[in-house]
Amino acid sequence: MRDFSTVPVVMLLGPPGAGKGTQAKRLEDHFGLIQLSTGDLLRAAVANGTEAGKAAKSVMEAGNLVSDDIVIAILRDRLGEPDCAAGVILDGFPRTIPQAEALDALLASQNAAVHAAISLEVEDDAMVERISGRHTCGGCGEGYHDTFKPPAIAGKCDKCGSDDFRRRADDNPDTVRHRLVAYHNETAPLIAFYANAGALQTIDAMGEIDAITKTLQQMVAPIIADVRGPLADQQTTTRKTQMEETQ
């Protein structure tokens, strides 16, 4: 097993639409961490034909949910890849207390732990408006919002001029409220779980995206420095340089 004692492990918690994916990507770019989301991990494992990926594929083809054991096995495989030595951001996992306990056991086997579980605090009514107002251009994929980002000319995409706008079938108020209820019942208990573990931090995620990013960076920077030790700045700089050279 790899020794993860100097590998930062950061987690973002929050309901659907809170901005976890966006902020995880920004933290990844800024600090050179690796963003790990359950959906991406499953797709990659299936595409690569790993043993855990094959197990996940057979379950999904049968129309069933992938078990926690399989997800943990896929996560274990991914953590073993060299790039994860820079540190990871968990986005969308764990979702339940049993998953959190299994994650703790996995990390403990590698001399690691969740160093920060950051809860993106949002208001349910605002989430309903934020998600149900989303739509995209069918021509180029540009994203819009009824309230926060309407096209400059009603009915015309700013980028390509198309009038083909599309909404996800589940981006409607009733479905969003149902997803929020599921979040509060299944995932919100993780806030107390990580508070008891001394890893919880919270942030008001109702403001501007850039302001939230800046606050998150200020939260995460000392955590990374503490876990990595005196080589933190050097490792981050090296990782950024490597990413720039491949672009």
C-alpha atoms as a PDB file:
ATOM      1  CA  MET A   1       0.000   0.000   0.000  1.00  0.00           C
ATOM      2  CA  ARG A   2       1.176   3.519  -0.730  1.00  0.00           C
ATOM      3  CA  ASP A   3       1.941   5.774   2.228  1.00  0.00           C
ATOM      4  CA  PHE A   4      -0.540   8.651   1.912  1.00  0.00           C
ATOM      5  CA  SER A   5       0.582  10.409   5.090  1.00  0.00           C
ATOM      6  CA  THR A   6       1.737  13.482   3.114  1.00  0.00           C
ATOM      7  CA  VAL A   7      -1.123  13.433   0.588  1.00  0.00           C
ATOM      8  CA  PRO A   8      -3.860  16.048   1.172  1.00  0.00           C
ATOM      9  CA  VAL A   9      -7.408  14.652   1.009  1.00  0.00           C
ATOM     10  CA  VAL A  10     -10.114  17.303   0.662  1.00  0.00           C
ATOM     11  CA  MET A  11     -13.831  16.696   0.255  1.00  0.00           C
ATOM     12  CA  LEU A  12     -16.628  18.989  -0.924  1.00  0.00           C
ATOM     13  CA  LEU A  13     -20.108  18.429   0.502  1.00  0.00           C
ATOM     14  CA  GLY A  14     -23.341  20.063  -0.582  1.00  0.00           C
ATOM     15  CA  PRO A  15     -26.661  19.451  -2.328  1.00  0.00           C
ATOM     16  CA  PRO A  16     -27.154  19.212  -6.097  1.00  0.00           C
ATOM     17  CA  GLY A  17     -26.464  22.571  -7.712  1.00  0.00           C
ATOM     18  CA  ALA A  18     -24.297  23.900  -4.884  1.00  0.00           C
ATOM     19  CA  GLY A  19     -21.313  24.168  -7.218  1.00  0.00           C
ATOM     20  CA  LYS A  20     -19.190  21.262  -5.983  1.00  0.00           C
ATOM     21  CA  GLY A  21     -17.984  20.248  -9.441  1.00  0.00           C
ATOM     22  CA  THR A  22     -17.116  23.791 -10.487  1.00  0.00           C
ATOM     23  CA  GLN A  23     -15.232  24.569  -7.305  1.00  0.00           C
ATOM     24  CA  ALA A  24     -13.449  21.196  -7.255  1.00  0.00           C
ATOM     25  CA  LYS A  25     -12.145  21.867 -10.761  1.00  0.00           C
ATOM     26  CA  ARG A  26     -10.901  25.302  -9.740  1.00  0.00           C
ATOM     27  CA  LEU A  27      -9.131  23.887  -6.689  1.00  0.00           C
ATOM     28  CA  GLU A  28      -7.614  21.208  -8.896  1.00  0.00           C
ATOM     29  CA  ASP A  29      -6.242  23.819 -11.283  1.00  0.00           C
ATOM     30  CA  HIS A  30      -4.984  26.137  -8.539  1.00  0.00           C
ATOM     31  CA  PHE A  31      -3.290  23.611  -6.253  1.00  0.00           C
ATOM     32  CA  GLY A  32      -2.457  20.781  -8.625  1.00  0.00           C
ATOM     33  CA  LEU A  33      -4.767  18.355  -6.830  1.00  0.00           C
ATOM     34  CA  ILE A  34      -6.690  15.577  -8.577  1.00  0.00           C
ATOM     35  CA  GLN A  35     -10.478  15.861  -8.703  1.00  0.00           C
ATOM     36  CA  LEU A  36     -12.184  12.513  -8.152  1.00  0.00           C
ATOM     37  CA  SER A  37     -15.909  12.248  -8.841  1.00  0.00           C
ATOM     38  CA  THR A  38     -17.839   8.992  -8.617  1.00  0.00           C
ATOM     39  CA  GLY A  39     -19.276   9.253 -12.116  1.00  0.00           C
ATOM     40  CA  ASP A  40     -15.896   9.896 -13.744  1.00  0.00           C
ATOM     41  CA  LEU A  41     -14.267   7.100 -11.731  1.00  0.00           C
ATOM     42  CA  LEU A  42     -16.923   4.591 -12.784  1.00  0.00           C
ATOM     43  CA  ARG A  43     -16.744   5.544 -16.465  1.00  0.00           C
ATOM     44  CA  ALA A  44     -12.946   5.377 -16.482  1.00  0.00           C
ATOM     45  CA  ALA A  45     -12.843   2.013 -14.693  1.00  0.00           C
ATOM     46  CA  VAL A  46     -15.362   0.541 -17.138  1.00  0.00           C
ATOM     47  CA  ALA A  47     -13.489   1.972 -20.138  1.00  0.00           C
ATOM     48  CA  ASN A  48     -10.140   0.673 -18.854  1.00  0.00           C
ATOM     49  CA  GLY A  49     -11.536  -2.782 -18.150  1.00  0.00           C
ATOM     50  CA  THR A  50     -10.236  -3.049 -14.600  1.00  0.00           C
ATOM     51  CA  GLU A  51     -11.575  -5.858 -12.433  1.00  0.00           C
ATOM     52  CA  ALA A  52     -13.673  -3.381 -10.440  1.00  0.00           C
ATOM     53  CA  GLY A  53     -14.712  -1.741 -13.703  1.00  0.00           C
ATOM     54  CA  LYS A  54     -15.920  -5.047 -15.124  1.00  0.00           C
ATOM     55  CA  ALA A  55     -17.937  -5.661 -11.960  1.00  0.00           C
ATOM     56  CA  ALA A  56     -19.447  -2.172 -12.195  1.00  0.00           C
ATOM     57  CA  LYS A  57     -20.286  -2.650 -15.876  1.00  0.00           C
ATOM     58  CA  SER A  58     -22.200  -5.869 -15.274  1.00  0.00           C
ATOM     59  CA  VAL A  59     -24.181  -4.247 -12.468  1.00  0.00           C
ATOM     60  CA  MET A  60     -25.023  -1.157 -14.513  1.00  0.00           C
ATOM     61  CA  GLU A  61     -25.988  -3.203 -17.574  1.00  0.00           C
ATOM     62  CA  ALA A  62     -28.439  -5.071 -15.365  1.00  0.00           C
ATOM     63  CA  GLY A  63     -29.979  -1.742 -14.427  1.00  0.00           C
ATOM     64  CA  ASN A  64     -28.851  -1.874 -10.806  1.00  0.00           C
ATOM     65  CA  LEU A  65     -26.941   0.550  -8.590  1.00  0.00           C
ATOM     66  CA  VAL A  66     -23.220  -0.046  -8.173  1.00  0.00           C
ATOM     67  CA  SER A  67     -22.505  -1.262  -4.637  1.00  0.00           C
ATOM     68  CA  ASP A  68     -20.375   0.646  -2.158  1.00  0.00           C
ATOM     69  CA  ASP A  69     -17.809  -2.173  -2.229  1.00  0.00           C
ATOM     70  CA  ILE A  70     -17.296  -1.740  -5.968  1.00  0.00           C
ATOM     71  CA  VAL A  71     -17.039   2.039  -5.717  1.00  0.00           C
ATOM     72  CA  ILE A  72     -14.469   1.722  -2.927  1.00  0.00           C
ATOM     73  CA  ALA A  73     -12.492  -0.795  -5.019  1.00  0.00           C
ATOM     74  CA  ILE A  74     -12.492   1.625  -7.965  1.00  0.00           C
ATOM     75  CA  LEU A  75     -11.419   4.463  -5.692  1.00  0.00           C
ATOM     76  CA  ARG A  76      -8.638   2.299  -4.240  1.00  0.00           C
ATOM     77  CA  ASP A  77      -7.358   1.576  -7.755  1.00  0.00           C
ATOM     78  CA  ARG A  78      -7.444   5.263  -8.705  1.00  0.00           C
ATOM     79  CA  LEU A  79      -5.626   6.363  -5.557  1.00  0.00           C
ATOM     80  CA  GLY A  80      -2.836   3.981  -6.502  1.00  0.00           C
ATOM     81  CA  GLU A  81      -2.056   5.950  -9.661  1.00  0.00           C
ATOM     82  CA  PRO A  82       0.998   8.251  -9.447  1.00  0.00           C
ATOM     83  CA  ASP A  83      -0.784  11.572 -10.030  1.00  0.00           C
ATOM     84  CA  CYS A  84      -2.841  11.168  -6.853  1.00  0.00           C
ATOM     85  CA  ALA A  85       0.337  11.638  -4.812  1.00  0.00           C
ATOM     86  CA  ALA A  86      -0.246  15.383  -5.339  1.00  0.00           C
ATOM     87  CA  GLY A  87      -3.466  15.199  -3.304  1.00  0.00           C
ATOM     88  CA  VAL A  88      -7.117  14.615  -4.130  1.00  0.00           C
ATOM     89  CA  ILE A  89     -10.468  16.377  -4.010  1.00  0.00           C
ATOM     90  CA  LEU A  90     -13.443  14.075  -3.514  1.00  0.00           C
ATOM     91  CA  ASP A  91     -16.510  15.379  -5.340  1.00  0.00           C
ATOM     92  CA  GLY A  92     -19.796  13.543  -4.813  1.00  0.00           C
ATOM     93  CA  PHE A  93     -18.423  10.735  -2.654  1.00  0.00           C
ATOM     94  CA  PRO A  94     -19.190   9.681   0.006  1.00  0.00           C
ATOM     95  CA  ARG A  95     -22.947  10.174  -0.053  1.00  0.00           C
ATOM     96  CA  THR A  96     -23.887   8.170   3.032  1.00  0.00           C
ATOM     97  CA  ILE A  97     -22.491   7.362   6.473  1.00  0.00           C
ATOM     98  CA  PRO A  98     -21.601   3.742   5.489  1.00  0.00           C
ATOM     99  CA  GLN A  99     -19.687   5.091   2.484  1.00  0.00           C
ATOM    100  CA  ALA A 100     -17.857   7.562   4.734  1.00  0.00           C
ATOM    101  CA  GLU A 101     -16.914   4.764   7.117  1.00  0.00           C
ATOM    102  CA  ALA A 102     -15.652   2.628   4.228  1.00  0.00           C
ATOM    103  CA  LEU A 103     -13.665   5.596   2.921  1.00  0.00           C
ATOM    104  CA  ASP A 104     -12.104   6.137   6.340  1.00  0.00           C
ATOM    105  CA  ALA A 105     -11.039   2.482   6.440  1.00  0.00           C
ATOM    106  CA  LEU A 106      -9.527   2.720   2.953  1.00  0.00           C
ATOM    107  CA  LEU A 107      -7.587   5.870   3.782  1.00  0.00           C
ATOM    108  CA  ALA A 108      -6.457   4.508   7.148  1.00  0.00           C
ATOM    109  CA  SER A 109      -4.962   1.489   5.353  1.00  0.00           C
ATOM    110  CA  GLN A 110      -2.745   3.986   3.518  1.00  0.00           C
ATOM    111  CA  ASN A 111      -1.850   6.114   6.564  1.00  0.00           C
ATOM    112  CA  ALA A 112      -4.209   8.848   5.389  1.00  0.00           C
ATOM    113  CA  ALA A 113      -7.421  10.577   6.422  1.00  0.00           C
ATOM    114  CA  VAL A 114      -9.899  13.189   5.238  1.00  0.00           C
ATOM    115  CA  HIS A 115      -8.123  16.414   6.161  1.00  0.00           C
ATOM    116  CA  ALA A 116     -11.030  18.722   5.319  1.00  0.00           C
ATOM    117  CA  ALA A 117     -14.701  18.126   4.559  1.00  0.00           C
ATOM    118  CA  ILE A 118     -15.940  21.482   3.302  1.00  0.00           C
ATOM    119  CA  SER A 119     -19.707  21.931   3.288  1.00  0.00           C
ATOM    120  CA  LEU A 120     -21.051  24.347   0.663  1.00  0.00           C
ATOM    121  CA  GLU A 121     -23.992  25.873   2.519  1.00  0.00           C
ATOM    122  CA  VAL A 122     -26.931  26.887   0.326  1.00  0.00           C
ATOM    123  CA  GLU A 123     -30.663  27.566   0.672  1.00  0.00           C
ATOM    124  CA  ASP A 124     -33.117  25.018  -0.707  1.00  0.00           C
ATOM    125  CA  ASP A 125     -35.394  27.574  -2.402  1.00  0.00           C
ATOM    126  CA  ALA A 126     -32.395  29.188  -4.071  1.00  0.00           C
ATOM    127  CA  MET A 127     -31.253  25.777  -5.292  1.00  0.00           C
ATOM    128  CA  VAL A 128     -34.648  25.117  -6.864  1.00  0.00           C
ATOM    129  CA  GLU A 129     -34.421  28.415  -8.755  1.00  0.00           C
ATOM    130  CA  ARG A 130     -30.769  27.896  -9.685  1.00  0.00           C
ATOM    131  CA  ILE A 131     -31.224  24.394 -11.099  1.00  0.00           C
ATOM    132  CA  SER A 132     -34.696  24.636 -12.655  1.00  0.00           C
ATOM    133  CA  GLY A 133     -33.679  27.775 -14.561  1.00  0.00           C
ATOM    134  CA  ARG A 134     -30.759  26.119 -16.344  1.00  0.00           C
ATOM    135  CA  HIS A 135     -30.798  25.478 -20.084  1.00  0.00           C
ATOM    136  CA  THR A 136     -28.252  25.057 -22.852  1.00  0.00           C
ATOM    137  CA  CYS A 137     -27.896  25.846 -26.514  1.00  0.00           C
ATOM    138  CA  GLY A 138     -28.505  22.769 -28.622  1.00  0.00           C
ATOM    139  CA  GLY A 139     -26.160  24.106 -31.276  1.00  0.00           C
ATOM    140  CA  CYS A 140     -22.949  24.776 -29.340  1.00  0.00           C
ATOM    141  CA  GLY A 141     -23.658  23.709 -25.760  1.00  0.00           C
ATOM    142  CA  GLU A 142     -23.366  27.186 -24.222  1.00  0.00           C
ATOM    143  CA  GLY A 143     -25.070  27.305 -20.822  1.00  0.00           C
ATOM    144  CA  TYR A 144     -27.767  29.809 -19.835  1.00  0.00           C
ATOM    145  CA  HIS A 145     -30.109  30.563 -16.957  1.00  0.00           C
ATOM    146  CA  ASP A 146     -33.542  32.162 -16.972  1.00  0.00           C
ATOM    147  CA  THR A 147     -32.583  34.646 -14.243  1.00  0.00           C
ATOM    148  CA  PHE A 148     -28.810  34.736 -13.876  1.00  0.00           C
ATOM    149  CA  LYS A 149     -27.606  34.356 -17.467  1.00  0.00           C
ATOM    150  CA  PRO A 150     -30.251  34.930 -20.136  1.00  0.00           C
ATOM    151  CA  PRO A 151     -29.098  35.349 -23.758  1.00  0.00           C
ATOM    152  CA  ALA A 152     -28.487  38.949 -24.835  1.00  0.00           C
ATOM    153  CA  ILE A 153     -31.211  38.551 -27.462  1.00  0.00           C
ATOM    154  CA  ALA A 154     -34.162  36.506 -26.269  1.00  0.00           C
ATOM    155  CA  GLY A 155     -34.315  33.156 -28.028  1.00  0.00           C
ATOM    156  CA  LYS A 156     -30.872  33.488 -29.673  1.00  0.00           C
ATOM    157  CA  CYS A 157     -27.619  31.942 -28.488  1.00  0.00           C
ATOM    158  CA  ASP A 158     -24.940  34.567 -27.859  1.00  0.00           C
ATOM    159  CA  LYS A 159     -22.227  32.318 -29.295  1.00  0.00           C
ATOM    160  CA  CYS A 160     -23.703  30.644 -32.362  1.00  0.00           C
ATOM    161  CA  GLY A 161     -27.069  32.341 -32.941  1.00  0.00           C
ATOM    162  CA  SER A 162     -29.055  29.106 -32.644  1.00  0.00           C
ATOM    163  CA  ASP A 163     -32.633  29.238 -31.352  1.00  0.00           C
ATOM    164  CA  ASP A 164     -32.494  25.604 -30.202  1.00  0.00           C
ATOM    165  CA  PHE A 165     -32.485  25.757 -26.392  1.00  0.00           C
ATOM    166  CA  ARG A 166     -32.778  22.615 -24.302  1.00  0.00           C
ATOM    167  CA  ARG A 167     -33.486  21.754 -20.655  1.00  0.00           C
ATOM    168  CA  ARG A 168     -32.700  18.540 -18.852  1.00  0.00           C
ATOM    169  CA  ALA A 169     -35.876  16.627 -18.105  1.00  0.00           C
ATOM    170  CA  ASP A 170     -35.002  16.428 -14.408  1.00  0.00           C
ATOM    171  CA  ASP A 171     -34.224  20.155 -14.098  1.00  0.00           C
ATOM    172  CA  ASN A 172     -37.730  21.061 -12.984  1.00  0.00           C
ATOM    173  CA  PRO A 173     -38.853  22.352  -9.559  1.00  0.00           C
ATOM    174  CA  ASP A 174     -40.570  19.153  -8.403  1.00  0.00           C
ATOM    175  CA  THR A 175     -37.636  16.920  -9.303  1.00  0.00           C
ATOM    176  CA  VAL A 176     -35.133  19.322  -7.763  1.00  0.00           C
ATOM    177  CA  ARG A 177     -37.083  19.425  -4.498  1.00  0.00           C
ATOM    178  CA  HIS A 178     -37.185  15.608  -4.470  1.00  0.00           C
ATOM    179  CA  ARG A 179     -33.394  15.487  -4.942  1.00  0.00           C
ATOM    180  CA  LEU A 180     -32.953  17.960  -2.088  1.00  0.00           C
ATOM    181  CA  VAL A 181     -35.085  15.810   0.214  1.00  0.00           C
ATOM    182  CA  ALA A 182     -32.916  12.816  -0.683  1.00  0.00           C
ATOM    183  CA  TYR A 183     -29.796  14.872   0.041  1.00  0.00           C
ATOM    184  CA  HIS A 184     -31.049  15.956   3.474  1.00  0.00           C
ATOM    185  CA  ASN A 185     -32.044  12.398   4.375  1.00  0.00           C
ATOM    186  CA  GLU A 186     -28.974  10.553   3.099  1.00  0.00           C
ATOM    187  CA  THR A 187     -26.037  12.923   2.649  1.00  0.00           C
ATOM    188  CA  ALA A 188     -26.517  15.836   5.055  1.00  0.00           C
ATOM    189  CA  PRO A 189     -25.762  13.550   8.074  1.00  0.00           C
ATOM    190  CA  LEU A 190     -22.173  13.547   6.793  1.00  0.00           C
ATOM    191  CA  ILE A 191     -21.884  17.109   8.105  1.00  0.00           C
ATOM    192  CA  ALA A 192     -22.201  15.875  11.693  1.00  0.00           C
ATOM    193  CA  PHE A 193     -20.007  12.850  10.898  1.00  0.00           C
ATOM    194  CA  TYR A 194     -17.088  15.004   9.780  1.00  0.00           C
ATOM    195  CA  ALA A 195     -17.727  17.585  12.487  1.00  0.00           C
ATOM    196  CA  ASN A 196     -17.258  14.823  15.059  1.00  0.00           C
ATOM    197  CA  ALA A 197     -14.053  13.816  13.252  1.00  0.00           C
ATOM    198  CA  GLY A 198     -12.750  17.392  13.492  1.00  0.00           C
ATOM    199  CA  ALA A 199     -12.528  17.738   9.700  1.00  0.00           C
ATOM    200  CA  LEU A 200     -15.602  19.879   8.937  1.00  0.00           C
ATOM    201  CA  GLN A 201     -15.404  23.393   7.553  1.00  0.00           C
ATOM    202  CA  THR A 202     -18.315  25.376   6.116  1.00  0.00           C
ATOM    203  CA  ILE A 203     -18.647  28.108   3.535  1.00  0.00           C
ATOM    204  CA  ASP A 204     -21.583  30.246   2.397  1.00  0.00           C
ATOM    205  CA  ALA A 205     -22.008  29.134  -1.226  1.00  0.00           C
ATOM    206  CA  MET A 206     -24.795  31.570  -2.111  1.00  0.00           C
ATOM    207  CA  GLY A 207     -22.483  34.337  -3.340  1.00  0.00           C
ATOM    208  CA  GLU A 208     -20.509  34.975  -6.516  1.00  0.00           C
ATOM    209  CA  ILE A 209     -18.600  31.973  -7.873  1.00  0.00           C
ATOM    210  CA  ASP A 210     -15.245  33.793  -7.932  1.00  0.00           C
ATOM    211  CA  ALA A 211     -15.648  34.969  -4.330  1.00  0.00           C
ATOM    212  CA  ILE A 212     -16.471  31.434  -3.203  1.00  0.00           C
ATOM    213  CA  THR A 213     -13.400  30.162  -5.053  1.00  0.00           C
ATOM    214  CA  LYS A 214     -11.166  32.693  -3.295  1.00  0.00           C
ATOM    215  CA  THR A 215     -12.513  31.712   0.132  1.00  0.00           C
ATOM    216  CA  LEU A 216     -12.062  28.014  -0.634  1.00  0.00           C
ATOM    217  CA  GLN A 217      -8.482  28.603  -1.725  1.00  0.00           C
ATOM    218  CA  GLN A 218      -7.806  30.408   1.544  1.00  0.00           C
ATOM    219  CA  MET A 219      -9.273  27.430   3.438  1.00  0.00           C
ATOM    220  CA  VAL A 220      -7.401  24.772   1.517  1.00  0.00           C
ATOM    221  CA  ALA A 221      -3.953  26.392   1.250  1.00  0.00           C
ATOM    222  CA  PRO A 222      -2.956  25.944   4.930  1.00  0.00           C
ATOM    223  CA  ILE A 223      -4.321  22.390   4.944  1.00  0.00           C
ATOM    224  CA  ILE A 224      -2.128  21.451   2.000  1.00  0.00           C
ATOM    225  CA  ALA A 225       0.889  23.160   3.538  1.00  0.00           C
ATOM    226  CA  ASP A 226       0.370  21.346   6.831  1.00  0.00           C
ATOM    227  CA  VAL A 227      -0.075  17.897   5.252  1.00  0.00           C
ATOM    228  CA  ARG A 228       2.639  18.137   2.624  1.00  0.00           C
ATOM    229  CA  GLY A 229       5.120  19.907   4.828  1.00  0.00           C
ATOM    230  CA  PRO A 230       7.829  22.314   3.623  1.00  0.00           C
ATOM    231  CA  LEU A 231       7.760  20.943   0.055  1.00  0.00           C
ATOM    232  CA  ALA A 232       4.150  22.102  -0.504  1.00  0.00           C
ATOM    233  CA  ASP A 233       4.949  25.226  -2.518  1.00  0.00           C
ATOM    234  CA  GLN A 234       7.556  23.427  -4.608  1.00  0.00           C
ATOM    235  CA  GLN A 235       5.206  20.528  -5.390  1.00  0.00           C
ATOM    236  CA  THR A 236       2.350  22.852  -6.354  1.00  0.00           C
ATOM    237  CA  THR A 237       4.590  24.904  -8.625  1.00  0.00           C
ATOM    238  CA  THR A 238       5.982  21.780 -10.285  1.00  0.00           C
ATOM    239  CA  ARG A 239       2.494  20.373 -10.854  1.00  0.00           C
ATOM    240  CA  LYS A 240       1.260  23.655 -12.367  1.00  0.00           C
ATOM    241  CA  THR A 241       4.274  23.802 -14.678  1.00  0.00           C
ATOM    242  CA  GLN A 242       3.677  20.238 -15.862  1.00  0.00           C
ATOM    243  CA  MET A 243       0.029  21.000 -16.632  1.00  0.00           C
ATOM    244  CA  GLU A 244       0.949  24.180 -18.528  1.00  0.00           C
ATOM    245  CA  GLU A 245       3.523  22.312 -20.617  1.00  0.00           C
ATOM    246  CA  THR A 246       0.927  19.771 -21.754  1.00  0.00           C
ATOM    247  CA  GLN A 247      -1.609  22.410 -22.791  1.00  0.00           C
END
